[in-house]
Amino acid sequence: MSCEDLVLIAGLLGPQPTSRVAREIVSGGILTFTSRGRILAPRFQFSDVPLEVLPSVRDAMRELGCTFDDNACAAWFLHPNTWLDMDAPYDLVRTNPEQVVAAARADRWTRTGW
């Protein structure tokens, strides 16, 4: 979903949607990536109602944040992961959130040693 779409949806949920969305993106609270000059936010990270980032996605992003840039973090969620028996993390964020966060922690540790 584009950030413009996200702002429109956020506007239905309360005041100052652009500020709220921008603040969440800058603080790393929303997973985004850049494609063809546009900032996009994958839909899998959001709950249905209210539109909020799933805790498992937020926690995994926190684990990955210091070692992955935005595009690498988005790619991490989309590609098969050995810690998850070759499932992609985005497939498990709702059904097995603890395993997704543990995989993010393991991948961070593998890359950084801490």
N, C-alpha and C. Protein backbone atom coordinates (compact mmCIF):
# COMPACT_ATOMS: atom_id res chain seq x y z
N MET A 1 0.85 -1.15 0.00
CA MET A 1 0.00 0.00 0.00
C MET A 1 0.90 1.22 0.00
N SER A 2 0.50 2.24 -0.70
CA SER A 2 1.32 3.45 -0.73
C SER A 2 1.13 4.22 0.57
N CYS A 3 2.08 5.08 0.88
CA CYS A 3 1.96 5.90 2.08
C CYS A 3 0.78 6.87 1.95
N GLU A 4 0.46 7.26 0.72
CA GLU A 4 -0.72 8.11 0.52
C GLU A 4 -1.98 7.37 0.95
N ASP A 5 -2.08 6.08 0.59
CA ASP A 5 -3.22 5.27 1.02
C ASP A 5 -3.25 5.14 2.53
N LEU A 6 -2.09 4.96 3.12
CA LEU A 6 -2.00 4.82 4.56
C LEU A 6 -2.48 6.09 5.26
N VAL A 7 -2.10 7.24 4.73
CA VAL A 7 -2.55 8.52 5.30
C VAL A 7 -4.06 8.65 5.17
N LEU A 8 -4.62 8.25 4.03
CA LEU A 8 -6.08 8.32 3.85
C LEU A 8 -6.79 7.45 4.88
N ILE A 9 -6.30 6.24 5.09
CA ILE A 9 -6.92 5.35 6.07
C ILE A 9 -6.76 5.92 7.47
N ALA A 10 -5.57 6.42 7.78
CA ALA A 10 -5.32 7.00 9.11
C ALA A 10 -6.23 8.19 9.35
N GLY A 11 -6.56 8.93 8.30
CA GLY A 11 -7.46 10.08 8.43
C GLY A 11 -8.85 9.67 8.88
N LEU A 12 -9.24 8.46 8.57
CA LEU A 12 -10.55 7.97 9.01
C LEU A 12 -10.53 7.61 10.49
N LEU A 13 -9.35 7.41 11.03
CA LEU A 13 -9.23 6.95 12.41
C LEU A 13 -8.89 8.04 13.41
N GLY A 14 -8.61 9.25 12.94
CA GLY A 14 -8.30 10.31 13.89
C GLY A 14 -7.69 11.52 13.21
N PRO A 15 -7.41 12.56 14.00
CA PRO A 15 -6.86 13.80 13.46
C PRO A 15 -5.39 13.69 13.07
N GLN A 16 -4.94 14.60 12.23
CA GLN A 16 -3.55 14.75 11.80
C GLN A 16 -2.94 13.46 11.26
N PRO A 17 -3.56 12.86 10.27
CA PRO A 17 -3.06 11.56 9.77
C PRO A 17 -1.67 11.65 9.17
N THR A 18 -1.36 12.71 8.44
CA THR A 18 -0.04 12.81 7.81
C THR A 18 1.05 12.85 8.86
N SER A 19 0.85 13.63 9.91
CA SER A 19 1.84 13.72 10.99
C SER A 19 2.02 12.38 11.69
N ARG A 20 0.92 11.69 11.97
CA ARG A 20 1.01 10.41 12.67
C ARG A 20 1.74 9.37 11.83
N VAL A 21 1.40 9.29 10.56
CA VAL A 21 2.04 8.31 9.68
C VAL A 21 3.52 8.65 9.51
N ALA A 22 3.83 9.91 9.27
CA ALA A 22 5.23 10.32 9.10
C ALA A 22 6.04 10.01 10.34
N ARG A 23 5.48 10.30 11.51
CA ARG A 23 6.19 10.04 12.77
C ARG A 23 6.47 8.54 12.93
N GLU A 24 5.50 7.71 12.61
CA GLU A 24 5.69 6.25 12.71
C GLU A 24 6.74 5.74 11.73
N ILE A 25 6.74 6.29 10.51
CA ILE A 25 7.73 5.86 9.52
C ILE A 25 9.13 6.26 9.96
N VAL A 26 9.31 7.51 10.37
CA VAL A 26 10.62 8.01 10.76
C VAL A 26 11.15 7.26 11.99
N SER A 27 10.28 6.92 12.93
CA SER A 27 10.72 6.23 14.14
C SER A 27 10.94 4.74 13.91
N GLY A 28 10.63 4.25 12.71
CA GLY A 28 10.79 2.83 12.41
C GLY A 28 9.62 2.00 12.87
N GLY A 29 8.51 2.63 13.17
CA GLY A 29 7.33 1.92 13.64
C GLY A 29 6.50 1.29 12.54
N ILE A 30 6.73 1.69 11.30
CA ILE A 30 6.04 1.11 10.15
C ILE A 30 7.10 0.61 9.18
N LEU A 31 6.97 -0.62 8.76
CA LEU A 31 7.88 -1.21 7.78
C LEU A 31 7.60 -0.58 6.42
N THR A 32 8.61 0.03 5.84
CA THR A 32 8.47 0.64 4.52
C THR A 32 9.65 0.24 3.66
N PHE A 33 9.46 0.38 2.36
CA PHE A 33 10.56 0.20 1.41
C PHE A 33 10.30 1.14 0.24
N THR A 34 11.34 1.40 -0.53
CA THR A 34 11.23 2.32 -1.65
C THR A 34 11.26 1.53 -2.95
N SER A 35 10.32 1.84 -3.83
CA SER A 35 10.27 1.22 -5.14
C SER A 35 9.87 2.27 -6.16
N ARG A 36 10.74 2.46 -7.15
CA ARG A 36 10.48 3.45 -8.21
C ARG A 36 10.17 4.84 -7.65
N GLY A 37 10.90 5.20 -6.61
CA GLY A 37 10.77 6.53 -6.03
C GLY A 37 9.58 6.71 -5.10
N ARG A 38 8.84 5.65 -4.84
CA ARG A 38 7.68 5.75 -3.94
C ARG A 38 7.96 4.96 -2.67
N ILE A 39 7.50 5.49 -1.56
CA ILE A 39 7.60 4.78 -0.30
C ILE A 39 6.34 3.93 -0.14
N LEU A 40 6.54 2.63 0.07
CA LEU A 40 5.43 1.70 0.20
C LEU A 40 5.47 1.01 1.56
N ALA A 41 4.30 0.64 2.04
CA ALA A 41 4.18 -0.05 3.32
C ALA A 41 3.43 -1.35 3.07
N PRO A 42 4.10 -2.50 3.23
CA PRO A 42 3.43 -3.79 2.98
C PRO A 42 2.20 -3.97 3.87
N ARG A 43 1.12 -4.43 3.28
CA ARG A 43 -0.16 -4.58 3.98
C ARG A 43 -0.11 -5.67 5.06
N PHE A 44 0.73 -6.70 4.89
CA PHE A 44 0.74 -7.81 5.84
C PHE A 44 1.05 -7.38 7.26
N GLN A 45 1.71 -6.23 7.43
CA GLN A 45 2.13 -5.81 8.77
C GLN A 45 1.01 -5.22 9.62
N PHE A 46 -0.13 -4.93 9.00
CA PHE A 46 -1.20 -4.24 9.71
C PHE A 46 -2.33 -5.17 10.13
N SER A 47 -2.88 -4.88 11.30
CA SER A 47 -4.11 -5.56 11.72
C SER A 47 -5.25 -5.02 10.85
N ASP A 48 -6.37 -5.70 10.89
CA ASP A 48 -7.49 -5.26 10.05
C ASP A 48 -8.19 -4.03 10.64
N VAL A 49 -8.69 -4.12 11.84
CA VAL A 49 -9.37 -2.99 12.47
C VAL A 49 -9.01 -3.03 13.95
N PRO A 50 -8.50 -1.97 14.52
CA PRO A 50 -8.04 -0.77 13.84
C PRO A 50 -6.74 -1.05 13.10
N LEU A 51 -6.43 -0.20 12.15
CA LEU A 51 -5.23 -0.37 11.34
C LEU A 51 -4.01 -0.03 12.19
N GLU A 52 -3.36 -1.07 12.72
CA GLU A 52 -2.16 -0.91 13.54
C GLU A 52 -1.13 -1.94 13.13
N VAL A 53 0.13 -1.61 13.35
CA VAL A 53 1.20 -2.57 13.06
C VAL A 53 1.10 -3.72 14.06
N LEU A 54 1.14 -4.94 13.54
CA LEU A 54 1.08 -6.12 14.40
C LEU A 54 2.28 -6.14 15.35
N PRO A 55 2.06 -6.52 16.60
CA PRO A 55 3.18 -6.56 17.56
C PRO A 55 4.34 -7.43 17.09
N SER A 56 4.05 -8.54 16.43
CA SER A 56 5.13 -9.42 15.96
C SER A 56 6.01 -8.73 14.92
N VAL A 57 5.39 -7.93 14.06
CA VAL A 57 6.17 -7.20 13.04
C VAL A 57 6.99 -6.12 13.72
N ARG A 58 6.38 -5.38 14.62
CA ARG A 58 7.10 -4.31 15.33
C ARG A 58 8.28 -4.89 16.11
N ASP A 59 8.07 -6.01 16.81
CA ASP A 59 9.15 -6.62 17.59
C ASP A 59 10.26 -7.16 16.70
N ALA A 60 9.90 -7.79 15.58
CA ALA A 60 10.91 -8.30 14.65
C ALA A 60 11.70 -7.14 14.04
N MET A 61 11.01 -6.06 13.69
CA MET A 61 11.71 -4.88 13.15
C MET A 61 12.68 -4.31 14.18
N ARG A 62 12.28 -4.31 15.43
CA ARG A 62 13.16 -3.82 16.49
C ARG A 62 14.41 -4.69 16.57
N GLU A 63 14.24 -6.00 16.44
CA GLU A 63 15.39 -6.91 16.45
C GLU A 63 16.32 -6.65 15.26
N LEU A 64 15.74 -6.41 14.09
CA LEU A 64 16.53 -6.24 12.86
C LEU A 64 17.04 -4.83 12.66
N GLY A 65 16.40 -3.86 13.28
CA GLY A 65 16.59 -2.45 12.97
C GLY A 65 18.01 -1.94 12.87
N CYS A 66 18.87 -2.36 13.76
CA CYS A 66 20.22 -1.80 13.77
C CYS A 66 21.12 -2.41 12.71
N THR A 67 20.70 -3.50 12.08
CA THR A 67 21.57 -4.16 11.11
C THR A 67 21.01 -4.19 9.69
N PHE A 68 19.75 -3.82 9.51
CA PHE A 68 19.11 -3.86 8.20
C PHE A 68 18.56 -2.48 7.85
N ASP A 69 18.77 -2.03 6.62
CA ASP A 69 18.09 -0.81 6.19
C ASP A 69 16.65 -1.15 5.83
N ASP A 70 15.84 -0.14 5.45
CA ASP A 70 14.41 -0.36 5.20
C ASP A 70 14.16 -1.43 4.14
N ASN A 71 14.86 -1.35 3.02
CA ASN A 71 14.62 -2.32 1.95
C ASN A 71 15.05 -3.72 2.36
N ALA A 72 16.17 -3.83 3.06
CA ALA A 72 16.63 -5.15 3.52
C ALA A 72 15.67 -5.73 4.56
N CYS A 73 15.12 -4.89 5.40
CA CYS A 73 14.16 -5.35 6.41
C CYS A 73 12.90 -5.86 5.73
N ALA A 74 12.40 -5.14 4.74
CA ALA A 74 11.22 -5.59 4.00
C ALA A 74 11.51 -6.91 3.29
N ALA A 75 12.69 -7.01 2.69
CA ALA A 75 13.07 -8.25 2.00
C ALA A 75 13.16 -9.41 2.99
N TRP A 76 13.63 -9.15 4.21
CA TRP A 76 13.73 -10.20 5.22
C TRP A 76 12.36 -10.83 5.47
N PHE A 77 11.33 -10.02 5.54
CA PHE A 77 9.98 -10.54 5.79
C PHE A 77 9.44 -11.34 4.61
N LEU A 78 9.91 -11.06 3.40
CA LEU A 78 9.32 -11.67 2.21
C LEU A 78 10.02 -12.93 1.72
N HIS A 79 11.26 -13.14 2.14
CA HIS A 79 12.02 -14.29 1.64
C HIS A 79 11.98 -15.47 2.60
N PRO A 80 12.07 -16.69 2.07
CA PRO A 80 12.12 -17.87 2.94
C PRO A 80 13.28 -17.75 3.94
N ASN A 81 13.03 -18.23 5.15
CA ASN A 81 13.99 -18.09 6.23
C ASN A 81 14.33 -19.46 6.81
N THR A 82 15.61 -19.75 6.93
CA THR A 82 16.01 -21.06 7.43
C THR A 82 15.55 -21.29 8.87
N TRP A 83 15.50 -20.24 9.69
CA TRP A 83 15.05 -20.39 11.08
C TRP A 83 13.55 -20.74 11.14
N LEU A 84 12.84 -20.51 10.04
CA LEU A 84 11.39 -20.75 10.00
C LEU A 84 11.05 -21.92 9.07
N ASP A 85 11.97 -22.85 8.93
CA ASP A 85 11.78 -24.01 8.05
C ASP A 85 11.42 -23.60 6.63
N MET A 86 12.09 -22.56 6.17
CA MET A 86 11.95 -22.02 4.81
C MET A 86 10.59 -21.36 4.54
N ASP A 87 9.83 -21.06 5.57
CA ASP A 87 8.65 -20.20 5.40
C ASP A 87 9.13 -18.76 5.39
N ALA A 88 8.39 -17.90 4.73
CA ALA A 88 8.68 -16.47 4.77
C ALA A 88 8.08 -15.90 6.05
N PRO A 89 8.80 -15.02 6.75
CA PRO A 89 8.26 -14.46 7.99
C PRO A 89 6.87 -13.84 7.84
N TYR A 90 6.60 -13.18 6.71
CA TYR A 90 5.28 -12.54 6.58
C TYR A 90 4.15 -13.56 6.61
N ASP A 91 4.43 -14.80 6.25
CA ASP A 91 3.40 -15.84 6.30
C ASP A 91 3.05 -16.24 7.74
N LEU A 92 3.93 -15.94 8.67
CA LEU A 92 3.76 -16.41 10.05
C LEU A 92 3.51 -15.31 11.07
N VAL A 93 3.47 -14.04 10.65
CA VAL A 93 3.35 -12.95 11.63
C VAL A 93 2.06 -13.02 12.45
N ARG A 94 1.01 -13.63 11.90
CA ARG A 94 -0.25 -13.76 12.64
C ARG A 94 -0.38 -15.11 13.35
N THR A 95 0.14 -16.15 12.75
CA THR A 95 -0.08 -17.49 13.28
C THR A 95 1.02 -17.97 14.22
N ASN A 96 2.24 -17.46 14.07
CA ASN A 96 3.35 -17.89 14.90
C ASN A 96 4.28 -16.71 15.18
N PRO A 97 3.74 -15.69 15.85
CA PRO A 97 4.52 -14.45 16.02
C PRO A 97 5.81 -14.62 16.82
N GLU A 98 5.79 -15.47 17.83
CA GLU A 98 7.00 -15.67 18.65
C GLU A 98 8.14 -16.23 17.81
N GLN A 99 7.81 -17.13 16.90
CA GLN A 99 8.82 -17.74 16.04
C GLN A 99 9.42 -16.70 15.09
N VAL A 100 8.61 -15.78 14.60
CA VAL A 100 9.10 -14.73 13.70
C VAL A 100 10.10 -13.83 14.45
N VAL A 101 9.74 -13.44 15.66
CA VAL A 101 10.64 -12.57 16.45
C VAL A 101 11.93 -13.32 16.78
N ALA A 102 11.82 -14.59 17.12
CA ALA A 102 13.03 -15.38 17.41
C ALA A 102 13.92 -15.49 16.18
N ALA A 103 13.33 -15.65 15.01
CA ALA A 103 14.11 -15.72 13.76
C ALA A 103 14.81 -14.40 13.50
N ALA A 104 14.13 -13.29 13.74
CA ALA A 104 14.75 -11.98 13.56
C ALA A 104 15.94 -11.81 14.51
N ARG A 105 15.75 -12.24 15.74
CA ARG A 105 16.84 -12.16 16.73
C ARG A 105 18.02 -13.02 16.29
N ALA A 106 17.73 -14.22 15.82
CA ALA A 106 18.80 -15.12 15.37
C ALA A 106 19.53 -14.55 14.16
N ASP A 107 18.80 -13.97 13.22
CA ASP A 107 19.46 -13.37 12.05
C ASP A 107 20.28 -12.15 12.43
N ARG A 108 19.79 -11.35 13.37
CA ARG A 108 20.59 -10.22 13.84
C ARG A 108 21.87 -10.72 14.49
N TRP A 109 21.75 -11.74 15.34
CA TRP A 109 22.91 -12.27 16.03
C TRP A 109 23.90 -12.85 15.02
N THR A 110 23.39 -13.54 13.99
CA THR A 110 24.26 -14.13 12.97
C THR A 110 25.04 -13.04 12.24
N ARG A 111 24.40 -11.91 11.98
CA ARG A 111 25.07 -10.82 11.26
C ARG A 111 26.02 -10.01 12.13
N THR A 112 25.68 -9.84 13.42
CA THR A 112 26.43 -8.90 14.25
C THR A 112 27.20 -9.56 15.38
N GLY A 113 26.78 -10.75 15.79
CA GLY A 113 27.41 -11.38 16.94
C GLY A 113 26.86 -10.91 18.26
N TRP A 114 25.81 -10.08 18.24
CA TRP A 114 25.16 -9.64 19.49
C TRP A 114 23.68 -9.51 19.32
